[in-house]
Amino acid sequence: MILVVKRIFYRNYVGLTFWPFILLKYEALKEDQILINHEKIHLKQQQELLLLPFYILYVIEWLMRCLCYLDSYKAYQNISFEREAYHNENNLDYPAERNAFGFLKYL
């Protein structure tokens, strides 16, 4: 289910997935197939890890990468969950085809 919620987004961020919802900053983004596909990949990740472990691992990896890069945005870009989603967002069939725990190869 896709919801538009303008007030929760920071800076350039325009999409967020919190299973089973995809939250978007603007109504027009519902038409952005690449963004929606990126968020669908996150839905798959959250589903296979069960919501709470996904977010715990996400935050731990982000914190570790913040220490490595000393740059929070670069850390975000290099989280394995994000790397998998960015790498495959143009393949609209990827969410249906992906192997379970596909993010592991992006660690």
N, C-alpha and C. Protein backbone atom coordinates (compact mmCIF):
# COMPACT_ATOMS: atom_id res chain seq x y z
N MET A 1 0.84 -1.17 0.00
CA MET A 1 0.00 0.00 0.00
C MET A 1 0.89 1.24 0.00
N ILE A 2 0.59 2.18 -0.86
CA ILE A 2 1.38 3.40 -0.99
C ILE A 2 0.62 4.57 -0.35
N LEU A 3 1.32 5.27 0.55
CA LEU A 3 0.74 6.43 1.23
C LEU A 3 1.61 7.65 0.98
N VAL A 4 1.01 8.82 0.90
CA VAL A 4 1.76 10.08 0.77
C VAL A 4 1.74 10.77 2.12
N VAL A 5 2.95 10.98 2.65
CA VAL A 5 3.10 11.61 3.98
C VAL A 5 4.26 12.59 3.85
N LYS A 6 3.95 13.87 3.67
CA LYS A 6 4.97 14.87 3.35
C LYS A 6 5.88 15.24 4.51
N ARG A 7 5.39 15.19 5.71
CA ARG A 7 6.10 15.80 6.83
C ARG A 7 7.19 14.96 7.48
N ILE A 8 7.33 13.71 7.11
CA ILE A 8 8.30 12.86 7.81
C ILE A 8 9.66 12.79 7.13
N PHE A 9 9.80 13.42 5.97
CA PHE A 9 11.02 13.24 5.20
C PHE A 9 12.04 14.32 5.47
N TYR A 10 13.30 13.87 5.47
CA TYR A 10 14.45 14.72 5.75
C TYR A 10 15.15 15.03 4.43
N ARG A 11 15.44 16.26 4.17
CA ARG A 11 16.18 16.72 2.99
C ARG A 11 15.67 16.13 1.69
N ASN A 12 16.58 15.42 0.98
CA ASN A 12 16.28 14.90 -0.36
C ASN A 12 15.53 13.58 -0.33
N TYR A 13 15.33 13.00 0.82
CA TYR A 13 14.67 11.70 0.88
C TYR A 13 13.21 11.84 0.49
N VAL A 14 12.76 10.95 -0.39
CA VAL A 14 11.39 11.06 -0.91
C VAL A 14 10.58 9.78 -0.73
N GLY A 15 11.23 8.70 -0.31
CA GLY A 15 10.52 7.44 -0.13
C GLY A 15 11.05 6.68 1.08
N LEU A 16 10.16 5.92 1.69
CA LEU A 16 10.51 5.14 2.87
C LEU A 16 9.58 3.94 2.90
N THR A 17 10.12 2.81 3.27
CA THR A 17 9.30 1.61 3.37
C THR A 17 9.24 1.17 4.82
N PHE A 18 8.04 0.97 5.28
CA PHE A 18 7.80 0.42 6.61
C PHE A 18 6.70 -0.62 6.41
N TRP A 19 7.12 -1.88 6.30
CA TRP A 19 6.24 -2.97 5.89
C TRP A 19 4.92 -2.92 6.61
N PRO A 20 3.83 -2.97 5.92
CA PRO A 20 3.59 -3.22 4.49
C PRO A 20 3.38 -1.95 3.67
N PHE A 21 3.85 -0.81 4.16
CA PHE A 21 3.58 0.47 3.51
C PHE A 21 4.81 1.02 2.80
N ILE A 22 4.57 1.68 1.68
CA ILE A 22 5.56 2.52 1.02
C ILE A 22 5.08 3.94 1.26
N LEU A 23 5.91 4.74 1.90
CA LEU A 23 5.56 6.12 2.21
C LEU A 23 6.31 7.03 1.24
N LEU A 24 5.62 7.97 0.63
CA LEU A 24 6.21 8.88 -0.33
C LEU A 24 5.99 10.33 0.10
N LYS A 25 6.90 11.19 -0.32
CA LYS A 25 6.82 12.59 0.04
C LYS A 25 5.79 13.35 -0.81
N TYR A 26 5.65 12.94 -2.08
CA TYR A 26 4.74 13.63 -3.00
C TYR A 26 3.84 12.64 -3.74
N GLU A 27 2.65 13.04 -4.04
CA GLU A 27 1.68 12.23 -4.78
C GLU A 27 2.23 11.81 -6.14
N ALA A 28 2.91 12.72 -6.82
CA ALA A 28 3.44 12.44 -8.17
C ALA A 28 4.44 11.29 -8.17
N LEU A 29 5.06 11.01 -7.05
CA LEU A 29 6.05 9.94 -6.98
C LEU A 29 5.43 8.55 -7.13
N LYS A 30 4.12 8.46 -7.00
CA LYS A 30 3.45 7.18 -7.21
C LYS A 30 3.67 6.67 -8.64
N GLU A 31 3.97 7.58 -9.56
CA GLU A 31 4.19 7.23 -10.96
C GLU A 31 5.65 6.88 -11.26
N ASP A 32 6.54 7.08 -10.31
CA ASP A 32 7.97 6.80 -10.51
C ASP A 32 8.23 5.31 -10.30
N GLN A 33 8.24 4.56 -11.39
CA GLN A 33 8.38 3.10 -11.32
C GLN A 33 9.70 2.67 -10.69
N ILE A 34 10.76 3.41 -10.94
CA ILE A 34 12.07 3.05 -10.39
C ILE A 34 12.06 3.20 -8.87
N LEU A 35 11.55 4.32 -8.38
CA LEU A 35 11.45 4.55 -6.93
C LEU A 35 10.57 3.49 -6.28
N ILE A 36 9.42 3.23 -6.87
CA ILE A 36 8.51 2.23 -6.31
C ILE A 36 9.18 0.86 -6.29
N ASN A 37 9.91 0.53 -7.35
CA ASN A 37 10.61 -0.76 -7.39
C ASN A 37 11.68 -0.82 -6.31
N HIS A 38 12.41 0.26 -6.12
CA HIS A 38 13.42 0.35 -5.05
C HIS A 38 12.76 0.03 -3.69
N GLU A 39 11.63 0.65 -3.45
CA GLU A 39 10.93 0.44 -2.19
C GLU A 39 10.34 -0.97 -2.09
N LYS A 40 9.93 -1.55 -3.20
CA LYS A 40 9.44 -2.94 -3.19
C LYS A 40 10.56 -3.90 -2.81
N ILE A 41 11.78 -3.60 -3.22
CA ILE A 41 12.93 -4.43 -2.81
C ILE A 41 13.07 -4.37 -1.29
N HIS A 42 12.92 -3.17 -0.72
CA HIS A 42 12.97 -3.05 0.75
C HIS A 42 11.84 -3.82 1.41
N LEU A 43 10.66 -3.84 0.79
CA LEU A 43 9.56 -4.63 1.35
C LEU A 43 9.94 -6.10 1.44
N LYS A 44 10.60 -6.61 0.40
CA LYS A 44 11.04 -8.01 0.40
C LYS A 44 12.07 -8.25 1.50
N GLN A 45 13.00 -7.33 1.65
CA GLN A 45 14.02 -7.45 2.69
C GLN A 45 13.38 -7.48 4.07
N GLN A 46 12.46 -6.58 4.30
CA GLN A 46 11.79 -6.51 5.60
C GLN A 46 10.96 -7.75 5.87
N GLN A 47 10.31 -8.25 4.84
CA GLN A 47 9.46 -9.43 4.98
C GLN A 47 10.29 -10.65 5.37
N GLU A 48 11.45 -10.83 4.74
CA GLU A 48 12.25 -12.03 5.01
C GLU A 48 12.96 -11.95 6.35
N LEU A 49 13.27 -10.75 6.82
CA LEU A 49 13.96 -10.61 8.10
C LEU A 49 13.00 -10.34 9.26
N LEU A 50 11.76 -10.16 8.94
CA LEU A 50 10.78 -9.74 9.94
C LEU A 50 11.16 -8.32 10.35
N LEU A 51 10.25 -7.48 10.46
CA LEU A 51 10.46 -6.04 10.53
C LEU A 51 11.52 -5.58 11.54
N LEU A 52 11.42 -5.98 12.76
CA LEU A 52 12.34 -5.49 13.78
C LEU A 52 13.80 -5.85 13.51
N PRO A 53 14.13 -7.11 13.19
CA PRO A 53 15.53 -7.43 12.87
C PRO A 53 16.07 -6.64 11.68
N PHE A 54 15.22 -6.38 10.70
CA PHE A 54 15.65 -5.57 9.55
C PHE A 54 16.14 -4.22 10.02
N TYR A 55 15.32 -3.53 10.82
CA TYR A 55 15.70 -2.19 11.25
C TYR A 55 16.88 -2.20 12.22
N ILE A 56 16.99 -3.20 13.04
CA ILE A 56 18.16 -3.30 13.93
C ILE A 56 19.43 -3.46 13.10
N LEU A 57 19.40 -4.37 12.14
CA LEU A 57 20.58 -4.56 11.28
C LEU A 57 20.87 -3.31 10.45
N TYR A 58 19.83 -2.67 9.96
CA TYR A 58 19.98 -1.46 9.15
C TYR A 58 20.71 -0.38 9.95
N VAL A 59 20.25 -0.13 11.17
CA VAL A 59 20.85 0.92 12.00
C VAL A 59 22.26 0.54 12.41
N ILE A 60 22.49 -0.70 12.78
CA ILE A 60 23.85 -1.13 13.15
C ILE A 60 24.81 -0.95 11.98
N GLU A 61 24.39 -1.39 10.80
CA GLU A 61 25.26 -1.24 9.63
C GLU A 61 25.50 0.23 9.30
N TRP A 62 24.47 1.06 9.42
CA TRP A 62 24.63 2.48 9.16
C TRP A 62 25.63 3.11 10.15
N LEU A 63 25.50 2.76 11.42
CA LEU A 63 26.43 3.31 12.43
C LEU A 63 27.87 2.88 12.15
N MET A 64 28.05 1.61 11.81
CA MET A 64 29.40 1.12 11.50
C MET A 64 29.98 1.84 10.28
N ARG A 65 29.16 2.03 9.28
CA ARG A 65 29.63 2.71 8.07
C ARG A 65 29.85 4.21 8.32
N CYS A 66 29.10 4.80 9.23
CA CYS A 66 29.36 6.19 9.61
C CYS A 66 30.76 6.34 10.19
N LEU A 67 31.14 5.37 11.00
CA LEU A 67 32.49 5.38 11.58
C LEU A 67 33.55 5.20 10.50
N CYS A 68 33.26 4.36 9.52
CA CYS A 68 34.21 4.11 8.42
C CYS A 68 34.38 5.32 7.53
N TYR A 69 33.26 5.90 7.11
CA TYR A 69 33.30 6.97 6.11
C TYR A 69 33.30 8.37 6.71
N LEU A 70 32.91 8.49 7.97
CA LEU A 70 32.76 9.80 8.62
C LEU A 70 31.85 10.72 7.81
N ASP A 71 30.84 10.11 7.21
CA ASP A 71 29.88 10.83 6.37
C ASP A 71 28.58 10.03 6.41
N SER A 72 27.55 10.60 6.99
CA SER A 72 26.31 9.84 7.20
C SER A 72 25.62 9.48 5.88
N TYR A 73 25.69 10.37 4.88
CA TYR A 73 25.04 10.06 3.60
C TYR A 73 25.78 8.96 2.85
N LYS A 74 27.10 9.03 2.86
CA LYS A 74 27.89 7.97 2.21
C LYS A 74 27.68 6.65 2.94
N ALA A 75 27.53 6.70 4.26
CA ALA A 75 27.25 5.50 5.04
C ALA A 75 25.91 4.91 4.61
N TYR A 76 24.90 5.77 4.48
CA TYR A 76 23.57 5.33 4.03
C TYR A 76 23.66 4.65 2.66
N GLN A 77 24.38 5.26 1.74
CA GLN A 77 24.49 4.71 0.38
C GLN A 77 25.16 3.35 0.36
N ASN A 78 25.96 3.04 1.36
CA ASN A 78 26.72 1.80 1.38
C ASN A 78 26.16 0.73 2.30
N ILE A 79 24.99 0.96 2.87
CA ILE A 79 24.31 -0.08 3.63
C ILE A 79 23.94 -1.19 2.66
N SER A 80 24.16 -2.43 3.02
CA SER A 80 23.92 -3.55 2.09
C SER A 80 22.49 -3.56 1.57
N PHE A 81 21.52 -3.23 2.38
CA PHE A 81 20.12 -3.19 1.95
C PHE A 81 19.91 -2.14 0.85
N GLU A 82 20.55 -0.98 1.04
CA GLU A 82 20.45 0.09 0.04
C GLU A 82 21.23 -0.27 -1.23
N ARG A 83 22.39 -0.85 -1.07
CA ARG A 83 23.18 -1.24 -2.24
C ARG A 83 22.41 -2.23 -3.11
N GLU A 84 21.77 -3.21 -2.48
CA GLU A 84 20.97 -4.16 -3.25
C GLU A 84 19.83 -3.43 -3.97
N ALA A 85 19.13 -2.56 -3.27
CA ALA A 85 17.99 -1.85 -3.86
C ALA A 85 18.43 -0.92 -4.99
N TYR A 86 19.50 -0.15 -4.78
CA TYR A 86 19.97 0.75 -5.83
C TYR A 86 20.48 -0.02 -7.04
N HIS A 87 21.20 -1.10 -6.80
CA HIS A 87 21.78 -1.89 -7.89
C HIS A 87 20.70 -2.52 -8.77
N ASN A 88 19.56 -2.85 -8.20
CA ASN A 88 18.52 -3.59 -8.91
C ASN A 88 17.23 -2.81 -9.16
N GLU A 89 17.20 -1.52 -8.83
CA GLU A 89 15.96 -0.77 -8.94
C GLU A 89 15.46 -0.62 -10.38
N ASN A 90 16.34 -0.69 -11.36
CA ASN A 90 15.92 -0.57 -12.76
C ASN A 90 15.34 -1.85 -13.33
N ASN A 91 15.54 -2.96 -12.65
CA ASN A 91 14.99 -4.25 -13.08
C ASN A 91 13.64 -4.43 -12.39
N LEU A 92 12.58 -4.12 -13.10
CA LEU A 92 11.24 -4.15 -12.50
C LEU A 92 10.79 -5.56 -12.11
N ASP A 93 11.49 -6.58 -12.61
CA ASP A 93 11.17 -7.97 -12.24
C ASP A 93 11.95 -8.44 -11.01
N TYR A 94 12.90 -7.65 -10.58
CA TYR A 94 13.79 -8.09 -9.50
C TYR A 94 13.05 -8.48 -8.21
N PRO A 95 12.10 -7.71 -7.72
CA PRO A 95 11.45 -8.13 -6.47
C PRO A 95 10.84 -9.53 -6.54
N ALA A 96 10.31 -9.90 -7.69
CA ALA A 96 9.70 -11.22 -7.84
C ALA A 96 10.76 -12.31 -8.03
N GLU A 97 11.90 -11.96 -8.62
CA GLU A 97 12.94 -12.95 -8.95
C GLU A 97 14.02 -13.10 -7.88
N ARG A 98 14.15 -12.13 -7.01
CA ARG A 98 15.32 -12.11 -6.12
C ARG A 98 15.36 -13.32 -5.20
N ASN A 99 16.58 -13.72 -4.92
CA ASN A 99 16.80 -14.81 -3.97
C ASN A 99 16.65 -14.27 -2.56
N ALA A 100 16.18 -15.11 -1.66
CA ALA A 100 16.08 -14.73 -0.25
C ALA A 100 17.45 -14.28 0.26
N PHE A 101 17.45 -13.27 1.08
CA PHE A 101 18.67 -12.72 1.69
C PHE A 101 19.66 -12.23 0.63
N GLY A 102 19.11 -11.71 -0.47
CA GLY A 102 19.95 -11.19 -1.57
C GLY A 102 20.86 -10.07 -1.15
N PHE A 103 20.52 -9.36 -0.10
CA PHE A 103 21.35 -8.25 0.38
C PHE A 103 22.71 -8.71 0.88
N LEU A 104 22.83 -9.99 1.25
CA LEU A 104 24.10 -10.49 1.82
C LEU A 104 25.27 -10.34 0.87
N LYS A 105 25.03 -10.45 -0.42
CA LYS A 105 26.15 -10.32 -1.36
C LYS A 105 26.62 -8.87 -1.49
N TYR A 106 25.91 -7.94 -0.88
CA TYR A 106 26.29 -6.52 -0.92
C TYR A 106 26.95 -6.06 0.39
N LEU A 107 27.19 -6.98 1.30
CA LEU A 107 27.86 -6.60 2.55
C LEU A 107 29.28 -6.16 2.31
